[in-house]
Amino acid sequence: MIIASQVKHLTSHKMENQATKSGTIGGTLLTVIFSIQPEDLIKTAILAAVGAAVSFTVSIALKMLVRKFKK
């Protein structure tokens, strides 16, 4: 049988644990956000666009090759 003091202890421990997790995640996210340079974001966006275009082109070319050799 759980008594009231044990319930209070369990809930306060759970709240402290949640506050610790929230603080750690929040601090990590803020550190990452402020450490990223705008130039890095632009470079990443350009590389992602180039990668998507190359992937699309290669998949279309392979699709055409497969159709050609199936005939």
PDB file of N, CA and C in Angstrom:
ATOM      1  N   MET A   1       0.835  -1.169   0.000  1.00  0.00           N
ATOM      2  CA  MET A   1       0.000   0.000   0.000  1.00  0.00           C
ATOM      3  C   MET A   1       0.890   1.246   0.000  1.00  0.00           C
ATOM      4  N   ILE A   2       0.621   2.139  -0.923  1.00  0.00           N
ATOM      5  CA  ILE A   2       1.429   3.355  -1.046  1.00  0.00           C
ATOM      6  C   ILE A   2       0.821   4.426  -0.148  1.00  0.00           C
ATOM      7  N   ILE A   3       1.679   5.054   0.651  1.00  0.00           N
ATOM      8  CA  ILE A   3       1.192   6.125   1.509  1.00  0.00           C
ATOM      9  C   ILE A   3       1.419   7.476   0.819  1.00  0.00           C
ATOM     10  N   ALA A   4       0.786   8.510   1.331  1.00  0.00           N
ATOM     11  CA  ALA A   4       0.799   9.830   0.692  1.00  0.00           C
ATOM     12  C   ALA A   4       2.209  10.384   0.520  1.00  0.00           C
ATOM     13  N   SER A   5       3.100  10.182   1.471  1.00  0.00           N
ATOM     14  CA  SER A   5       4.455  10.727   1.346  1.00  0.00           C
ATOM     15  C   SER A   5       5.216  10.052   0.211  1.00  0.00           C
ATOM     16  N   GLN A   6       4.968   8.762  -0.015  1.00  0.00           N
ATOM     17  CA  GLN A   6       5.619   8.073  -1.122  1.00  0.00           C
ATOM     18  C   GLN A   6       5.106   8.591  -2.472  1.00  0.00           C
ATOM     19  N   VAL A   7       3.804   8.850  -2.551  1.00  0.00           N
ATOM     20  CA  VAL A   7       3.222   9.380  -3.787  1.00  0.00           C
ATOM     21  C   VAL A   7       3.800  10.756  -4.079  1.00  0.00           C
ATOM     22  N   LYS A   8       3.897  11.601  -3.037  1.00  0.00           N
ATOM     23  CA  LYS A   8       4.455  12.935  -3.213  1.00  0.00           C
ATOM     24  C   LYS A   8       5.908  12.849  -3.672  1.00  0.00           C
ATOM     25  N   HIS A   9       6.671  11.947  -3.092  1.00  0.00           N
ATOM     26  CA  HIS A   9       8.077  11.774  -3.468  1.00  0.00           C
ATOM     27  C   HIS A   9       8.196  11.316  -4.929  1.00  0.00           C
ATOM     28  N   LEU A  10       7.365  10.371  -5.334  1.00  0.00           N
ATOM     29  CA  LEU A  10       7.418   9.868  -6.712  1.00  0.00           C
ATOM     30  C   LEU A  10       7.054  10.956  -7.715  1.00  0.00           C
ATOM     31  N   THR A  11       6.019  11.756  -7.416  1.00  0.00           N
ATOM     32  CA  THR A  11       5.624  12.797  -8.362  1.00  0.00           C
ATOM     33  C   THR A  11       6.634  13.928  -8.405  1.00  0.00           C
ATOM     34  N   SER A  12       7.211  14.307  -7.288  1.00  0.00           N
ATOM     35  CA  SER A  12       8.202  15.385  -7.314  1.00  0.00           C
ATOM     36  C   SER A  12       9.458  14.928  -8.046  1.00  0.00           C
ATOM     37  N   HIS A  13       9.836  13.673  -7.891  1.00  0.00           N
ATOM     38  CA  HIS A  13      11.000  13.147  -8.608  1.00  0.00           C
ATOM     39  C   HIS A  13      10.726  13.150 -10.109  1.00  0.00           C
ATOM     40  N   LYS A  14       9.519  12.780 -10.503  1.00  0.00           N
ATOM     41  CA  LYS A  14       9.158  12.766 -11.915  1.00  0.00           C
ATOM     42  C   LYS A  14       9.195  14.181 -12.485  1.00  0.00           C
ATOM     43  N   MET A  15       8.732  15.168 -11.726  1.00  0.00           N
ATOM     44  CA  MET A  15       8.727  16.555 -12.194  1.00  0.00           C
ATOM     45  C   MET A  15      10.156  17.077 -12.322  1.00  0.00           C
ATOM     46  N   GLU A  16      11.023  16.754 -11.363  1.00  0.00           N
ATOM     47  CA  GLU A  16      12.421  17.186 -11.433  1.00  0.00           C
ATOM     48  C   GLU A  16      13.098  16.572 -12.654  1.00  0.00           C
ATOM     49  N   ASN A  17      12.821  15.316 -12.913  1.00  0.00           N
ATOM     50  CA  ASN A  17      13.395  14.632 -14.052  1.00  0.00           C
ATOM     51  C   ASN A  17      12.930  15.291 -15.350  1.00  0.00           C
ATOM     52  N   GLN A  18      11.649  15.644 -15.439  1.00  0.00           N
ATOM     53  CA  GLN A  18      11.110  16.300 -16.625  1.00  0.00           C
ATOM     54  C   GLN A  18      11.739  17.681 -16.808  1.00  0.00           C
ATOM     55  N   ALA A  19      11.918  18.414 -15.723  1.00  0.00           N
ATOM     56  CA  ALA A  19      12.544  19.733 -15.809  1.00  0.00           C
ATOM     57  C   ALA A  19      13.989  19.624 -16.268  1.00  0.00           C
ATOM     58  N   THR A  20      14.673  18.611 -15.805  1.00  0.00           N
ATOM     59  CA  THR A  20      16.061  18.405 -16.227  1.00  0.00           C
ATOM     60  C   THR A  20      16.125  18.087 -17.718  1.00  0.00           C
ATOM     61  N   LYS A  21      15.236  17.214 -18.179  1.00  0.00           N
ATOM     62  CA  LYS A  21      15.205  16.872 -19.604  1.00  0.00           C
ATOM     63  C   LYS A  21      14.881  18.104 -20.447  1.00  0.00           C
ATOM     64  N   SER A  22      13.875  18.867 -20.027  1.00  0.00           N
ATOM     65  CA  SER A  22      13.486  20.057 -20.779  1.00  0.00           C
ATOM     66  C   SER A  22      14.615  21.071 -20.838  1.00  0.00           C
ATOM     67  N   GLY A  23      15.285  21.278 -19.723  1.00  0.00           N
ATOM     68  CA  GLY A  23      16.396  22.218 -19.682  1.00  0.00           C
ATOM     69  C   GLY A  23      17.562  21.783 -20.553  1.00  0.00           C
ATOM     70  N   THR A  24      17.847  20.505 -20.530  1.00  0.00           N
ATOM     71  CA  THR A  24      18.947  19.985 -21.345  1.00  0.00           C
ATOM     72  C   THR A  24      18.638  20.112 -22.829  1.00  0.00           C
ATOM     73  N   ILE A  25      17.432  19.726 -23.224  1.00  0.00           N
ATOM     74  CA  ILE A  25      17.041  19.814 -24.638  1.00  0.00           C
ATOM     75  C   ILE A  25      16.997  21.265 -25.095  1.00  0.00           C
ATOM     76  N   GLY A  26      16.415  22.139 -24.280  1.00  0.00           N
ATOM     77  CA  GLY A  26      16.344  23.556 -24.636  1.00  0.00           C
ATOM     78  C   GLY A  26      17.716  24.189 -24.779  1.00  0.00           C
ATOM     79  N   GLY A  27      18.596  23.891 -23.864  1.00  0.00           N
ATOM     80  CA  GLY A  27      19.949  24.441 -23.933  1.00  0.00           C
ATOM     81  C   GLY A  27      20.718  23.934 -25.133  1.00  0.00           C
ATOM     82  N   THR A  28      20.557  22.664 -25.440  1.00  0.00           N
ATOM     83  CA  THR A  28      21.233  22.097 -26.608  1.00  0.00           C
ATOM     84  C   THR A  28      20.728  22.733 -27.891  1.00  0.00           C
ATOM     85  N   LEU A  29      19.403  22.860 -28.020  1.00  0.00           N
ATOM     86  CA  LEU A  29      18.837  23.471 -29.224  1.00  0.00           C
ATOM     87  C   LEU A  29      19.291  24.921 -29.396  1.00  0.00           C
ATOM     88  N   LEU A  30      19.280  25.689 -28.324  1.00  0.00           N
ATOM     89  CA  LEU A  30      19.727  27.085 -28.419  1.00  0.00           C
ATOM     90  C   LEU A  30      21.200  27.181 -28.804  1.00  0.00           C
ATOM     91  N   THR A  31      22.008  26.299 -28.260  1.00  0.00           N
ATOM     92  CA  THR A  31      23.431  26.300 -28.609  1.00  0.00           C
ATOM     93  C   THR A  31      23.629  25.995 -30.084  1.00  0.00           C
ATOM     94  N   VAL A  32      22.904  25.005 -30.586  1.00  0.00           N
ATOM     95  CA  VAL A  32      23.026  24.633 -31.996  1.00  0.00           C
ATOM     96  C   VAL A  32      22.522  25.755 -32.894  1.00  0.00           C
ATOM     97  N   ILE A  33      21.395  26.355 -32.537  1.00  0.00           N
ATOM     98  CA  ILE A  33      20.811  27.421 -33.364  1.00  0.00           C
ATOM     99  C   ILE A  33      21.768  28.602 -33.483  1.00  0.00           C
ATOM    100  N   PHE A  34      22.365  28.991 -32.378  1.00  0.00           N
ATOM    101  CA  PHE A  34      23.235  30.164 -32.400  1.00  0.00           C
ATOM    102  C   PHE A  34      24.638  29.869 -32.936  1.00  0.00           C
ATOM    103  N   SER A  35      24.996  28.607 -33.062  1.00  0.00           N
ATOM    104  CA  SER A  35      26.325  28.292 -33.578  1.00  0.00           C
ATOM    105  C   SER A  35      26.321  28.082 -35.095  1.00  0.00           C
ATOM    106  N   ILE A  36      25.155  27.994 -35.708  1.00  0.00           N
ATOM    107  CA  ILE A  36      25.070  27.796 -37.159  1.00  0.00           C
ATOM    108  C   ILE A  36      25.191  29.150 -37.849  1.00  0.00           C
ATOM    109  N   GLN A  37      26.092  29.229 -38.801  1.00  0.00           N
ATOM    110  CA  GLN A  37      26.314  30.460 -39.554  1.00  0.00           C
ATOM    111  C   GLN A  37      25.366  30.514 -40.755  1.00  0.00           C
ATOM    112  N   PRO A  38      24.919  31.711 -41.152  1.00  0.00           N
ATOM    113  CA  PRO A  38      24.042  31.820 -42.329  1.00  0.00           C
ATOM    114  C   PRO A  38      24.682  31.257 -43.603  1.00  0.00           C
ATOM    115  N   GLU A  39      25.988  31.390 -43.719  1.00  0.00           N
ATOM    116  CA  GLU A  39      26.676  30.846 -44.897  1.00  0.00           C
ATOM    117  C   GLU A  39      26.523  29.330 -44.965  1.00  0.00           C
ATOM    118  N   ASP A  40      26.554  28.686 -43.796  1.00  0.00           N
ATOM    119  CA  ASP A  40      26.384  27.233 -43.754  1.00  0.00           C
ATOM    120  C   ASP A  40      24.985  26.833 -44.212  1.00  0.00           C
ATOM    121  N   LEU A  41      23.996  27.606 -43.822  1.00  0.00           N
ATOM    122  CA  LEU A  41      22.624  27.308 -44.237  1.00  0.00           C
ATOM    123  C   LEU A  41      22.463  27.447 -45.743  1.00  0.00           C
ATOM    124  N   ILE A  42      23.054  28.498 -46.311  1.00  0.00           N
ATOM    125  CA  ILE A  42      22.967  28.718 -47.756  1.00  0.00           C
ATOM    126  C   ILE A  42      23.679  27.591 -48.497  1.00  0.00           C
ATOM    127  N   LYS A  43      24.873  27.231 -48.026  1.00  0.00           N
ATOM    128  CA  LYS A  43      25.640  26.154 -48.662  1.00  0.00           C
ATOM    129  C   LYS A  43      24.867  24.838 -48.586  1.00  0.00           C
ATOM    130  N   THR A  44      24.249  24.570 -47.450  1.00  0.00           N
ATOM    131  CA  THR A  44      23.477  23.341 -47.282  1.00  0.00           C
ATOM    132  C   THR A  44      22.276  23.316 -48.216  1.00  0.00           C
ATOM    133  N   ALA A  45      21.582  24.449 -48.352  1.00  0.00           N
ATOM    134  CA  ALA A  45      20.424  24.511 -49.234  1.00  0.00           C
ATOM    135  C   ALA A  45      20.823  24.289 -50.693  1.00  0.00           C
ATOM    136  N   ILE A  46      21.938  24.881 -51.108  1.00  0.00           N
ATOM    137  CA  ILE A  46      22.415  24.707 -52.489  1.00  0.00           C
ATOM    138  C   ILE A  46      22.816  23.252 -52.732  1.00  0.00           C
ATOM    139  N   LEU A  47      23.543  22.657 -51.803  1.00  0.00           N
ATOM    140  CA  LEU A  47      23.945  21.261 -51.962  1.00  0.00           C
ATOM    141  C   LEU A  47      22.739  20.323 -51.981  1.00  0.00           C
ATOM    142  N   ALA A  48      21.734  20.617 -51.179  1.00  0.00           N
ATOM    143  CA  ALA A  48      20.519  19.795 -51.179  1.00  0.00           C
ATOM    144  C   ALA A  48      19.792  19.899 -52.511  1.00  0.00           C
ATOM    145  N   ALA A  49      19.718  21.097 -53.070  1.00  0.00           N
ATOM    146  CA  ALA A  49      19.056  21.285 -54.369  1.00  0.00           C
ATOM    147  C   ALA A  49      19.818  20.562 -55.474  1.00  0.00           C
ATOM    148  N   VAL A  50      21.137  20.677 -55.470  1.00  0.00           N
ATOM    149  CA  VAL A  50      21.951  19.987 -56.479  1.00  0.00           C
ATOM    150  C   VAL A  50      21.801  18.468 -56.329  1.00  0.00           C
ATOM    151  N   GLY A  51      21.832  17.993 -55.119  1.00  0.00           N
ATOM    152  CA  GLY A  51      21.673  16.552 -54.881  1.00  0.00           C
ATOM    153  C   GLY A  51      20.324  16.043 -55.342  1.00  0.00           C
ATOM    154  N   ALA A  52      19.267  16.803 -55.084  1.00  0.00           N
ATOM    155  CA  ALA A  52      17.931  16.397 -55.524  1.00  0.00           C
ATOM    156  C   ALA A  52      17.839  16.381 -57.043  1.00  0.00           C
ATOM    157  N   ALA A  53      18.425  17.379 -57.708  1.00  0.00           N
ATOM    158  CA  ALA A  53      18.396  17.443 -59.170  1.00  0.00           C
ATOM    159  C   ALA A  53      19.163  16.276 -59.780  1.00  0.00           C
ATOM    160  N   VAL A  54      20.331  15.965 -59.233  1.00  0.00           N
ATOM    161  CA  VAL A  54      21.127  14.842 -59.741  1.00  0.00           C
ATOM    162  C   VAL A  54      20.389  13.527 -59.516  1.00  0.00           C
ATOM    163  N   SER A  55      19.809  13.353 -58.363  1.00  0.00           N
ATOM    164  CA  SER A  55      19.070  12.133 -58.068  1.00  0.00           C
ATOM    165  C   SER A  55      17.896  11.956 -59.027  1.00  0.00           C
ATOM    166  N   PHE A  56      17.167  13.025 -59.272  1.00  0.00           N
ATOM    167  CA  PHE A  56      16.036  12.978 -60.201  1.00  0.00           C
ATOM    168  C   PHE A  56      16.504  12.624 -61.613  1.00  0.00           C
ATOM    169  N   THR A  57      17.567  13.267 -62.066  1.00  0.00           N
ATOM    170  CA  THR A  57      18.086  13.025 -63.409  1.00  0.00           C
ATOM    171  C   THR A  57      18.560  11.583 -63.579  1.00  0.00           C
ATOM    172  N   VAL A  58      19.271  11.078 -62.593  1.00  0.00           N
ATOM    173  CA  VAL A  58      19.768   9.698 -62.658  1.00  0.00           C
ATOM    174  C   VAL A  58      18.599   8.715 -62.652  1.00  0.00           C
ATOM    175  N   SER A  59      17.601   8.948 -61.834  1.00  0.00           N
ATOM    176  CA  SER A  59      16.470   8.013 -61.797  1.00  0.00           C
ATOM    177  C   SER A  59      15.705   8.013 -63.123  1.00  0.00           C
ATOM    178  N   ILE A  60      15.547   9.172 -63.755  1.00  0.00           N
ATOM    179  CA  ILE A  60      14.893   9.233 -65.069  1.00  0.00           C
ATOM    180  C   ILE A  60      15.741   8.508 -66.118  1.00  0.00           C
ATOM    181  N   ALA A  61      17.054   8.727 -66.100  1.00  0.00           N
ATOM    182  CA  ALA A  61      17.947   8.073 -67.062  1.00  0.00           C
ATOM    183  C   ALA A  61      17.921   6.552 -66.886  1.00  0.00           C
ATOM    184  N   LEU A  62      17.951   6.079 -65.650  1.00  0.00           N
ATOM    185  CA  LEU A  62      17.899   4.635 -65.408  1.00  0.00           C
ATOM    186  C   LEU A  62      16.566   4.048 -65.842  1.00  0.00           C
ATOM    187  N   LYS A  63      15.495   4.781 -65.617  1.00  0.00           N
ATOM    188  CA  LYS A  63      14.172   4.331 -66.047  1.00  0.00           C
ATOM    189  C   LYS A  63      14.128   4.180 -67.569  1.00  0.00           C
ATOM    190  N   MET A  64      14.723   5.133 -68.281  1.00  0.00           N
ATOM    191  CA  MET A  64      14.766   5.067 -69.741  1.00  0.00           C
ATOM    192  C   MET A  64      15.621   3.891 -70.207  1.00  0.00           C
ATOM    193  N   LEU A  65      16.740   3.648 -69.552  1.00  0.00           N
ATOM    194  CA  LEU A  65      17.608   2.523 -69.915  1.00  0.00           C
ATOM    195  C   LEU A  65      16.910   1.181 -69.703  1.00  0.00           C
ATOM    196  N   VAL A  66      16.201   1.067 -68.595  1.00  0.00           N
ATOM    197  CA  VAL A  66      15.486  -0.179 -68.306  1.00  0.00           C
ATOM    198  C   VAL A  66      14.426  -0.427 -69.372  1.00  0.00           C
ATOM    199  N   ARG A  67      13.689   0.605 -69.735  1.00  0.00           N
ATOM    200  CA  ARG A  67      12.664   0.454 -70.785  1.00  0.00           C
ATOM    201  C   ARG A  67      13.305   0.075 -72.126  1.00  0.00           C
ATOM    202  N   LYS A  68      14.452   0.651 -72.424  1.00  0.00           N
ATOM    203  CA  LYS A  68      15.131   0.373 -73.695  1.00  0.00           C
ATOM    204  C   LYS A  68      15.597  -1.081 -73.762  1.00  0.00           C
ATOM    205  N   PHE A  69      16.140  -1.614 -72.658  1.00  0.00           N
ATOM    206  CA  PHE A  69      16.652  -2.970 -72.671  1.00  0.00           C
ATOM    207  C   PHE A  69      15.550  -4.027 -72.509  1.00  0.00           C
ATOM    208  N   LYS A  70      14.369  -3.630 -72.034  1.00  0.00           N
ATOM    209  CA  LYS A  70      13.272  -4.568 -71.912  1.00  0.00           C
ATOM    210  C   LYS A  70      12.701  -4.940 -73.277  1.00  0.00           C
ATOM    211  N   LYS A  71      12.794  -4.032 -74.226  1.00  0.00           N
ATOM    212  CA  LYS A  71      12.223  -4.272 -75.562  1.00  0.00           C
ATOM    213  C   LYS A  71      13.006  -5.241 -76.370  1.00  0.00           C
TER     214      LYS A  71
END
